[in-house]
Amino acid sequence: MDLLDHAQLVEEEDRRRAIVARQEMLRGCGRKNCMACGDPIGTDRLAAMPNAVRCLRCQEGRERWNRRKGQ
């Protein structure tokens, strides 16, 4: 498996977890934990972004990673 295959698998898993988290929210399960690290998503973040599936720290890390790979 090369680097691109691995990146694609990571992206697919991330997308799958985001879909599951969103479905839980819609069902009223009230997912309040980050899908990346499992820590609670801050109330300020949820107030600003009710559909957030990552805590601020993980989301910022994800955005830095995306910028580095040129997306």
Protein backbone atom coordinates (compact mmCIF):
# COMPACT_ATOMS: atom_id res chain seq x y z
CA MET A 1 0.00 0.00 0.00
CA ASP A 2 1.47 3.32 -1.01
CA LEU A 3 0.97 6.71 0.62
CA LEU A 4 -1.95 7.66 -1.64
CA ASP A 5 -3.80 4.42 -0.90
CA HIS A 6 -3.33 5.01 2.81
CA ALA A 7 -4.52 8.61 2.52
CA GLN A 8 -7.61 7.44 0.65
CA LEU A 9 -8.41 4.86 3.35
CA VAL A 10 -8.01 7.48 6.08
CA GLU A 11 -10.29 9.88 4.19
CA GLU A 12 -12.95 7.19 3.64
CA GLU A 13 -12.91 6.22 7.33
CA ASP A 14 -13.13 9.87 8.36
CA ARG A 15 -16.10 10.38 6.03
CA ARG A 16 -17.82 7.24 7.37
CA ARG A 17 -17.38 8.39 10.97
CA ALA A 18 -18.74 11.85 10.11
CA ILE A 19 -21.83 10.26 8.54
CA VAL A 20 -22.42 8.06 11.58
CA ALA A 21 -21.97 11.03 13.93
CA ARG A 22 -24.44 13.10 11.90
CA GLN A 23 -26.96 10.25 11.89
CA GLU A 24 -26.66 9.97 15.67
CA MET A 25 -27.31 13.70 16.01
CA LEU A 26 -30.37 13.47 13.79
CA ARG A 27 -31.71 10.56 15.83
CA GLY A 28 -31.32 12.68 18.94
CA CYS A 29 -28.45 10.73 20.44
CA GLY A 30 -26.75 14.06 20.94
CA ARG A 31 -23.20 13.10 20.05
CA LYS A 32 -21.11 15.59 21.98
CA ASN A 33 -17.70 13.90 21.69
CA CYS A 34 -15.08 14.45 19.03
CA MET A 35 -15.01 11.71 16.40
CA ALA A 36 -11.22 12.00 16.19
CA CYS A 37 -10.06 12.01 19.81
CA GLY A 38 -13.22 11.18 21.80
CA ASP A 39 -12.93 14.26 24.01
CA PRO A 40 -16.05 16.37 24.57
CA ILE A 41 -16.78 19.03 21.95
CA GLY A 42 -16.86 22.39 23.71
CA THR A 43 -20.23 24.03 24.28
CA ASP A 44 -19.02 27.25 22.61
CA ARG A 45 -18.06 25.27 19.50
CA LEU A 46 -21.39 23.43 19.44
CA ALA A 47 -23.23 26.74 19.86
CA ALA A 48 -21.35 28.18 16.88
CA MET A 49 -21.34 24.94 14.82
CA PRO A 50 -24.18 22.64 15.96
CA ASN A 51 -23.17 20.02 13.38
CA ALA A 52 -19.53 19.88 14.53
CA VAL A 53 -18.17 16.35 14.78
CA ARG A 54 -14.65 17.32 15.91
CA CYS A 55 -13.40 19.37 18.84
CA LEU A 56 -11.70 22.65 17.98
CA ARG A 57 -8.19 21.22 18.45
CA CYS A 58 -8.82 18.28 16.11
CA GLN A 59 -10.63 20.43 13.54
CA GLU A 60 -7.76 22.91 13.46
CA GLY A 61 -5.30 20.04 13.05
CA ARG A 62 -7.40 18.61 10.22
CA GLU A 63 -7.49 21.98 8.46
CA ARG A 64 -3.69 22.40 8.79
CA TRP A 65 -3.23 18.89 7.34
CA ASN A 66 -5.55 19.72 4.42
CA ARG A 67 -3.67 22.95 3.68
CA ARG A 68 -0.34 21.10 3.68
CA LYS A 69 -1.55 18.53 1.19
CA GLY A 70 -2.96 21.31 -1.01
CA GLN A 71 -6.71 20.91 -0.72
